[in-house]
Amino acid sequence: MNINQATDYGFRAVLFLAQQPVGKVVEAQTIAHSQVIPMRFLLKIMPSLTKAGIVKSQRGVGGGYALARNPQDITLMDVLEAIEGPVYLNRCLIDEDLCSKQGPPSCPVHQALAAIQQRLNHDFDSYNFADFID
């Protein structure tokens, strides 16, 4: 598994917004500059975070972004899935028809991967953005 650059930027943007006073709307340029995120990347990932209900956008003068939920209600998994989609180690874990061995009973590795996947999901879900605020 490899977290892509867009997700890394998403983590940073959400953390920055979590560090702001509740409800404060921050311009995209301020987020990009403070978190060293190229503006083109930020503008590409923010709609995904908005669609997932993690951030809300405000248009017009004084517009920008703010968290849509409390930091303690936003997990690393929320951001990861908002940007990358479902997280899985192997495609057979989301669709057994895609298993090259025709499903878990005939693939001894499937159960091990499923257990690892479950722990990975749990770990990403166990950290919320309030955990990272001083």
N, C-alpha and C. Protein backbone atom coordinates (compact mmCIF):
# COMPACT_ATOMS: atom_id res chain seq x y z
N MET A 1 0.85 -1.18 0.00
CA MET A 1 0.00 0.00 0.00
C MET A 1 0.89 1.24 0.00
N ASN A 2 0.47 2.22 -0.76
CA ASN A 2 1.23 3.45 -0.85
C ASN A 2 0.24 4.61 -0.86
N ILE A 3 0.35 5.49 0.12
CA ILE A 3 -0.50 6.67 0.17
C ILE A 3 0.04 7.65 -0.87
N ASN A 4 -0.83 8.09 -1.77
CA ASN A 4 -0.35 8.97 -2.83
C ASN A 4 -0.19 10.42 -2.35
N GLN A 5 0.44 11.22 -3.18
CA GLN A 5 0.73 12.61 -2.83
C GLN A 5 -0.53 13.41 -2.57
N ALA A 6 -1.58 13.16 -3.33
CA ALA A 6 -2.84 13.89 -3.13
C ALA A 6 -3.40 13.63 -1.73
N THR A 7 -3.30 12.40 -1.26
CA THR A 7 -3.80 12.07 0.08
C THR A 7 -2.94 12.74 1.15
N ASP A 8 -1.63 12.75 0.95
CA ASP A 8 -0.75 13.45 1.88
C ASP A 8 -1.14 14.93 1.97
N TYR A 9 -1.39 15.54 0.83
CA TYR A 9 -1.84 16.93 0.83
C TYR A 9 -3.20 17.07 1.50
N GLY A 10 -4.07 16.10 1.30
CA GLY A 10 -5.38 16.13 1.95
C GLY A 10 -5.26 16.07 3.46
N PHE A 11 -4.37 15.20 3.96
CA PHE A 11 -4.13 15.14 5.40
C PHE A 11 -3.69 16.50 5.93
N ARG A 12 -2.74 17.12 5.22
CA ARG A 12 -2.21 18.42 5.66
C ARG A 12 -3.27 19.51 5.63
N ALA A 13 -4.07 19.54 4.58
CA ALA A 13 -5.11 20.56 4.46
C ALA A 13 -6.16 20.41 5.57
N VAL A 14 -6.58 19.18 5.82
CA VAL A 14 -7.58 18.95 6.87
C VAL A 14 -7.00 19.27 8.24
N LEU A 15 -5.76 18.90 8.49
CA LEU A 15 -5.13 19.23 9.77
C LEU A 15 -5.05 20.74 9.96
N PHE A 16 -4.66 21.46 8.91
CA PHE A 16 -4.59 22.92 9.00
C PHE A 16 -5.96 23.50 9.36
N LEU A 17 -7.01 23.04 8.70
CA LEU A 17 -8.35 23.53 9.00
C LEU A 17 -8.78 23.14 10.41
N ALA A 18 -8.36 21.96 10.87
CA ALA A 18 -8.69 21.52 12.23
C ALA A 18 -8.04 22.40 13.29
N GLN A 19 -6.94 23.02 12.94
CA GLN A 19 -6.22 23.89 13.88
C GLN A 19 -6.81 25.30 13.95
N GLN A 20 -7.75 25.60 13.08
CA GLN A 20 -8.38 26.93 13.05
C GLN A 20 -9.55 26.97 14.03
N PRO A 21 -9.95 28.18 14.43
CA PRO A 21 -11.15 28.29 15.27
C PRO A 21 -12.36 27.66 14.55
N VAL A 22 -13.27 27.09 15.30
CA VAL A 22 -14.44 26.42 14.74
C VAL A 22 -15.19 27.35 13.79
N GLY A 23 -15.45 26.85 12.59
CA GLY A 23 -16.22 27.59 11.61
C GLY A 23 -15.44 28.61 10.80
N LYS A 24 -14.17 28.82 11.12
CA LYS A 24 -13.38 29.81 10.39
C LYS A 24 -13.19 29.36 8.94
N VAL A 25 -13.50 30.25 8.01
CA VAL A 25 -13.33 29.98 6.59
C VAL A 25 -11.95 30.50 6.18
N VAL A 26 -11.18 29.64 5.54
CA VAL A 26 -9.80 29.97 5.15
C VAL A 26 -9.69 29.91 3.63
N GLU A 27 -9.09 30.93 3.04
CA GLU A 27 -8.90 30.95 1.59
C GLU A 27 -7.99 29.81 1.15
N ALA A 28 -8.26 29.28 -0.03
CA ALA A 28 -7.45 28.19 -0.57
C ALA A 28 -5.98 28.59 -0.65
N GLN A 29 -5.72 29.81 -1.03
CA GLN A 29 -4.33 30.28 -1.16
C GLN A 29 -3.61 30.23 0.19
N THR A 30 -4.31 30.55 1.26
CA THR A 30 -3.71 30.51 2.60
C THR A 30 -3.38 29.07 2.98
N ILE A 31 -4.29 28.16 2.71
CA ILE A 31 -4.04 26.74 3.00
C ILE A 31 -2.84 26.25 2.20
N ALA A 32 -2.84 26.53 0.91
CA ALA A 32 -1.76 26.07 0.03
C ALA A 32 -0.41 26.61 0.49
N HIS A 33 -0.36 27.89 0.78
CA HIS A 33 0.91 28.51 1.18
C HIS A 33 1.40 27.97 2.53
N SER A 34 0.51 27.90 3.51
CA SER A 34 0.93 27.48 4.85
C SER A 34 1.33 26.02 4.92
N GLN A 35 0.75 25.19 4.05
CA GLN A 35 1.03 23.76 4.09
C GLN A 35 1.96 23.29 2.97
N VAL A 36 2.48 24.25 2.21
CA VAL A 36 3.38 23.97 1.09
C VAL A 36 2.75 22.93 0.15
N ILE A 37 1.54 23.25 -0.26
CA ILE A 37 0.80 22.42 -1.21
C ILE A 37 0.64 23.23 -2.49
N PRO A 38 1.05 22.69 -3.63
CA PRO A 38 0.81 23.44 -4.87
C PRO A 38 -0.68 23.73 -5.03
N MET A 39 -0.99 24.96 -5.39
CA MET A 39 -2.38 25.40 -5.50
C MET A 39 -3.18 24.50 -6.43
N ARG A 40 -2.59 24.07 -7.54
CA ARG A 40 -3.33 23.22 -8.48
C ARG A 40 -3.73 21.90 -7.84
N PHE A 41 -2.86 21.35 -6.95
CA PHE A 41 -3.20 20.11 -6.25
C PHE A 41 -4.30 20.37 -5.22
N LEU A 42 -4.17 21.46 -4.50
CA LEU A 42 -5.18 21.76 -3.48
C LEU A 42 -6.56 21.90 -4.13
N LEU A 43 -6.61 22.63 -5.24
CA LEU A 43 -7.89 22.82 -5.92
C LEU A 43 -8.43 21.53 -6.52
N LYS A 44 -7.58 20.56 -6.69
CA LYS A 44 -8.00 19.26 -7.22
C LYS A 44 -8.58 18.36 -6.11
N ILE A 45 -8.01 18.45 -4.89
CA ILE A 45 -8.44 17.56 -3.81
C ILE A 45 -9.59 18.11 -2.97
N MET A 46 -9.73 19.43 -2.89
CA MET A 46 -10.76 19.99 -2.02
C MET A 46 -12.18 19.59 -2.43
N PRO A 47 -12.50 19.50 -3.73
CA PRO A 47 -13.85 19.02 -4.07
C PRO A 47 -14.13 17.60 -3.56
N SER A 48 -13.13 16.74 -3.55
CA SER A 48 -13.32 15.38 -3.02
C SER A 48 -13.60 15.41 -1.53
N LEU A 49 -12.88 16.28 -0.81
CA LEU A 49 -13.10 16.41 0.63
C LEU A 49 -14.45 17.05 0.92
N THR A 50 -14.87 17.95 0.05
CA THR A 50 -16.19 18.58 0.20
C THR A 50 -17.30 17.57 -0.06
N LYS A 51 -17.16 16.81 -1.13
CA LYS A 51 -18.17 15.80 -1.48
C LYS A 51 -18.32 14.76 -0.37
N ALA A 52 -17.22 14.44 0.32
CA ALA A 52 -17.24 13.46 1.40
C ALA A 52 -17.77 14.05 2.71
N GLY A 53 -18.06 15.34 2.72
CA GLY A 53 -18.59 15.96 3.94
C GLY A 53 -17.53 16.24 4.99
N ILE A 54 -16.28 16.29 4.58
CA ILE A 54 -15.19 16.57 5.51
C ILE A 54 -14.96 18.07 5.63
N VAL A 55 -14.99 18.76 4.51
CA VAL A 55 -14.87 20.22 4.50
C VAL A 55 -16.10 20.80 3.81
N LYS A 56 -16.32 22.06 4.03
CA LYS A 56 -17.37 22.78 3.31
C LYS A 56 -16.72 23.96 2.62
N SER A 57 -17.25 24.29 1.48
CA SER A 57 -16.70 25.41 0.73
C SER A 57 -17.67 26.58 0.75
N GLN A 58 -17.09 27.75 0.70
CA GLN A 58 -17.89 28.97 0.66
C GLN A 58 -17.38 29.79 -0.51
N ARG A 59 -18.27 30.15 -1.40
CA ARG A 59 -17.89 30.90 -2.60
C ARG A 59 -17.97 32.40 -2.36
N GLY A 60 -17.35 33.13 -3.26
CA GLY A 60 -17.47 34.58 -3.26
C GLY A 60 -16.45 35.27 -2.37
N VAL A 61 -16.70 36.57 -2.15
CA VAL A 61 -15.81 37.37 -1.30
C VAL A 61 -15.80 36.77 0.10
N GLY A 62 -14.61 36.58 0.64
CA GLY A 62 -14.49 35.97 1.96
C GLY A 62 -14.68 34.47 1.92
N GLY A 63 -14.68 33.91 0.72
CA GLY A 63 -14.88 32.48 0.56
C GLY A 63 -13.64 31.68 0.84
N GLY A 64 -13.82 30.39 0.88
CA GLY A 64 -12.72 29.48 1.16
C GLY A 64 -13.26 28.17 1.69
N TYR A 65 -12.53 27.59 2.62
CA TYR A 65 -12.89 26.28 3.15
C TYR A 65 -12.86 26.28 4.68
N ALA A 66 -13.71 25.45 5.25
CA ALA A 66 -13.74 25.21 6.70
C ALA A 66 -14.10 23.75 6.89
N LEU A 67 -13.84 23.23 8.07
CA LEU A 67 -14.25 21.85 8.35
C LEU A 67 -15.77 21.78 8.40
N ALA A 68 -16.31 20.70 7.90
CA ALA A 68 -17.75 20.48 7.93
C ALA A 68 -18.17 19.72 9.19
N ARG A 69 -17.18 19.11 9.84
CA ARG A 69 -17.44 18.33 11.07
C ARG A 69 -16.38 18.70 12.09
N ASN A 70 -16.60 18.29 13.31
CA ASN A 70 -15.60 18.49 14.35
C ASN A 70 -14.37 17.63 14.06
N PRO A 71 -13.17 18.12 14.41
CA PRO A 71 -11.95 17.35 14.14
C PRO A 71 -11.98 15.93 14.71
N GLN A 72 -12.63 15.75 15.87
CA GLN A 72 -12.67 14.41 16.47
C GLN A 72 -13.57 13.46 15.69
N ASP A 73 -14.37 14.00 14.77
CA ASP A 73 -15.27 13.18 13.96
C ASP A 73 -14.72 12.91 12.56
N ILE A 74 -13.47 13.30 12.31
CA ILE A 74 -12.83 13.08 11.01
C ILE A 74 -11.59 12.22 11.23
N THR A 75 -11.59 11.04 10.65
CA THR A 75 -10.46 10.12 10.81
C THR A 75 -9.53 10.17 9.60
N LEU A 76 -8.35 9.60 9.80
CA LEU A 76 -7.42 9.47 8.68
C LEU A 76 -8.08 8.66 7.56
N MET A 77 -8.85 7.64 7.93
CA MET A 77 -9.53 6.82 6.93
C MET A 77 -10.53 7.64 6.12
N ASP A 78 -11.23 8.56 6.77
CA ASP A 78 -12.19 9.41 6.06
C ASP A 78 -11.50 10.17 4.93
N VAL A 79 -10.36 10.77 5.24
CA VAL A 79 -9.63 11.56 4.24
C VAL A 79 -9.05 10.65 3.17
N LEU A 80 -8.46 9.55 3.60
CA LEU A 80 -7.86 8.59 2.66
C LEU A 80 -8.89 8.10 1.64
N GLU A 81 -10.06 7.69 2.12
CA GLU A 81 -11.09 7.18 1.21
C GLU A 81 -11.72 8.29 0.36
N ALA A 82 -11.80 9.50 0.91
CA ALA A 82 -12.36 10.61 0.13
C ALA A 82 -11.50 10.90 -1.10
N ILE A 83 -10.21 10.74 -0.96
CA ILE A 83 -9.30 11.08 -2.05
C ILE A 83 -8.96 9.88 -2.92
N GLU A 84 -8.71 8.74 -2.30
CA GLU A 84 -8.26 7.57 -3.07
C GLU A 84 -9.35 6.55 -3.36
N GLY A 85 -10.48 6.67 -2.68
CA GLY A 85 -11.51 5.65 -2.82
C GLY A 85 -11.28 4.53 -1.81
N PRO A 86 -11.98 3.42 -1.97
CA PRO A 86 -11.85 2.31 -1.01
C PRO A 86 -10.40 1.83 -0.89
N VAL A 87 -10.02 1.53 0.33
CA VAL A 87 -8.66 1.08 0.61
C VAL A 87 -8.67 -0.45 0.72
N TYR A 88 -7.84 -1.10 -0.08
CA TYR A 88 -7.74 -2.55 0.01
C TYR A 88 -6.35 -2.99 -0.43
N LEU A 89 -5.88 -4.05 0.22
CA LEU A 89 -4.55 -4.59 -0.09
C LEU A 89 -4.53 -5.37 -1.39
N ASN A 90 -5.62 -6.08 -1.65
CA ASN A 90 -5.70 -6.89 -2.86
C ASN A 90 -7.15 -6.84 -3.35
N ARG A 91 -7.32 -6.85 -4.64
CA ARG A 91 -8.66 -6.72 -5.21
C ARG A 91 -9.60 -7.84 -4.78
N CYS A 92 -9.07 -9.01 -4.43
CA CYS A 92 -9.93 -10.11 -4.01
C CYS A 92 -10.62 -9.82 -2.68
N LEU A 93 -10.12 -8.83 -1.94
CA LEU A 93 -10.73 -8.50 -0.66
C LEU A 93 -12.01 -7.67 -0.83
N ILE A 94 -12.18 -7.07 -1.99
CA ILE A 94 -13.41 -6.31 -2.22
C ILE A 94 -14.38 -7.04 -3.14
N ASP A 95 -13.85 -7.99 -3.90
CA ASP A 95 -14.70 -8.77 -4.81
C ASP A 95 -14.08 -10.15 -5.01
N GLU A 96 -14.64 -11.14 -4.34
CA GLU A 96 -14.07 -12.49 -4.40
C GLU A 96 -14.08 -13.07 -5.81
N ASP A 97 -14.92 -12.55 -6.69
CA ASP A 97 -14.91 -13.01 -8.08
C ASP A 97 -13.62 -12.63 -8.80
N LEU A 98 -12.90 -11.68 -8.24
CA LEU A 98 -11.63 -11.26 -8.83
C LEU A 98 -10.44 -12.06 -8.32
N CYS A 99 -10.70 -12.99 -7.40
CA CYS A 99 -9.62 -13.81 -6.85
C CYS A 99 -9.12 -14.79 -7.91
N SER A 100 -7.83 -14.81 -8.10
CA SER A 100 -7.25 -15.70 -9.12
C SER A 100 -7.39 -17.17 -8.72
N LYS A 101 -7.65 -17.45 -7.45
CA LYS A 101 -7.83 -18.83 -6.98
C LYS A 101 -9.31 -19.14 -6.75
N GLN A 102 -10.19 -18.31 -7.28
CA GLN A 102 -11.64 -18.51 -7.20
C GLN A 102 -12.19 -18.46 -5.78
N GLY A 103 -11.66 -17.59 -4.96
CA GLY A 103 -12.24 -17.34 -3.65
C GLY A 103 -11.40 -17.81 -2.49
N PRO A 104 -11.77 -17.35 -1.29
CA PRO A 104 -11.01 -17.62 -0.08
C PRO A 104 -10.77 -19.09 0.26
N PRO A 105 -11.74 -20.00 0.03
CA PRO A 105 -11.47 -21.38 0.46
C PRO A 105 -10.25 -22.01 -0.21
N SER A 106 -9.97 -21.63 -1.45
CA SER A 106 -8.84 -22.26 -2.14
C SER A 106 -7.59 -21.38 -2.15
N CYS A 107 -7.62 -20.27 -1.46
CA CYS A 107 -6.45 -19.38 -1.40
C CYS A 107 -6.03 -19.18 0.05
N PRO A 108 -4.96 -19.81 0.47
CA PRO A 108 -4.54 -19.69 1.87
C PRO A 108 -4.07 -18.28 2.24
N VAL A 109 -3.71 -17.48 1.28
CA VAL A 109 -3.23 -16.13 1.57
C VAL A 109 -4.40 -15.17 1.82
N HIS A 110 -5.56 -15.48 1.27
CA HIS A 110 -6.72 -14.59 1.37
C HIS A 110 -7.06 -14.26 2.82
N GLN A 111 -7.13 -15.26 3.68
CA GLN A 111 -7.49 -15.02 5.08
C GLN A 111 -6.46 -14.15 5.78
N ALA A 112 -5.19 -14.37 5.48
CA ALA A 112 -4.14 -13.54 6.09
C ALA A 112 -4.28 -12.09 5.62
N LEU A 113 -4.49 -11.90 4.33
CA LEU A 113 -4.65 -10.55 3.80
C LEU A 113 -5.90 -9.88 4.38
N ALA A 114 -6.96 -10.64 4.55
CA ALA A 114 -8.19 -10.09 5.13
C ALA A 114 -7.95 -9.63 6.57
N ALA A 115 -7.20 -10.39 7.33
CA ALA A 115 -6.89 -10.01 8.72
C ALA A 115 -6.02 -8.76 8.75
N ILE A 116 -5.04 -8.70 7.87
CA ILE A 116 -4.18 -7.52 7.79
C ILE A 116 -5.01 -6.31 7.38
N GLN A 117 -5.89 -6.49 6.40
CA GLN A 117 -6.76 -5.41 5.94
C GLN A 117 -7.62 -4.88 7.08
N GLN A 118 -8.17 -5.79 7.86
CA GLN A 118 -9.02 -5.39 8.98
C GLN A 118 -8.23 -4.55 10.00
N ARG A 119 -7.01 -4.96 10.31
CA ARG A 119 -6.17 -4.20 11.25
C ARG A 119 -5.80 -2.84 10.67
N LEU A 120 -5.48 -2.81 9.38
CA LEU A 120 -5.13 -1.56 8.72
C LEU A 120 -6.31 -0.58 8.77
N ASN A 121 -7.49 -1.06 8.43
CA ASN A 121 -8.69 -0.21 8.49
C ASN A 121 -8.92 0.30 9.90
N HIS A 122 -8.78 -0.58 10.87
CA HIS A 122 -8.96 -0.19 12.27
C HIS A 122 -7.97 0.90 12.66
N ASP A 123 -6.71 0.72 12.28
CA ASP A 123 -5.69 1.70 12.63
C ASP A 123 -5.96 3.06 12.00
N PHE A 124 -6.31 3.10 10.73
CA PHE A 124 -6.62 4.38 10.08
C PHE A 124 -7.87 5.02 10.69
N ASP A 125 -8.82 4.21 11.12
CA ASP A 125 -10.03 4.73 11.75
C ASP A 125 -9.80 5.18 13.19
N SER A 126 -8.73 4.71 13.82
CA SER A 126 -8.52 5.01 15.24
C SER A 126 -7.87 6.38 15.47
N TYR A 127 -7.38 7.01 14.43
CA TYR A 127 -6.79 8.34 14.57
C TYR A 127 -7.73 9.38 13.97
N ASN A 128 -8.08 10.37 14.79
CA ASN A 128 -8.88 11.47 14.28
C ASN A 128 -8.05 12.75 14.36
N PHE A 129 -8.52 13.79 13.71
CA PHE A 129 -7.71 15.00 13.60
C PHE A 129 -7.60 15.79 14.90
N ALA A 130 -8.48 15.53 15.86
CA ALA A 130 -8.31 16.14 17.18
C ALA A 130 -7.08 15.57 17.87
N ASP A 131 -6.70 14.34 17.52
CA ASP A 131 -5.51 13.71 18.11
C ASP A 131 -4.23 14.47 17.75
N PHE A 132 -4.24 15.21 16.65
CA PHE A 132 -3.03 15.87 16.16
C PHE A 132 -2.96 17.35 16.51
N ILE A 133 -3.96 17.84 17.22
CA ILE A 133 -3.98 19.26 17.59
C ILE A 133 -3.37 19.41 18.98
N ASP A 134 -2.45 20.35 19.10
CA ASP A 134 -1.78 20.58 20.40
C ASP A 134 -2.74 21.14 21.42
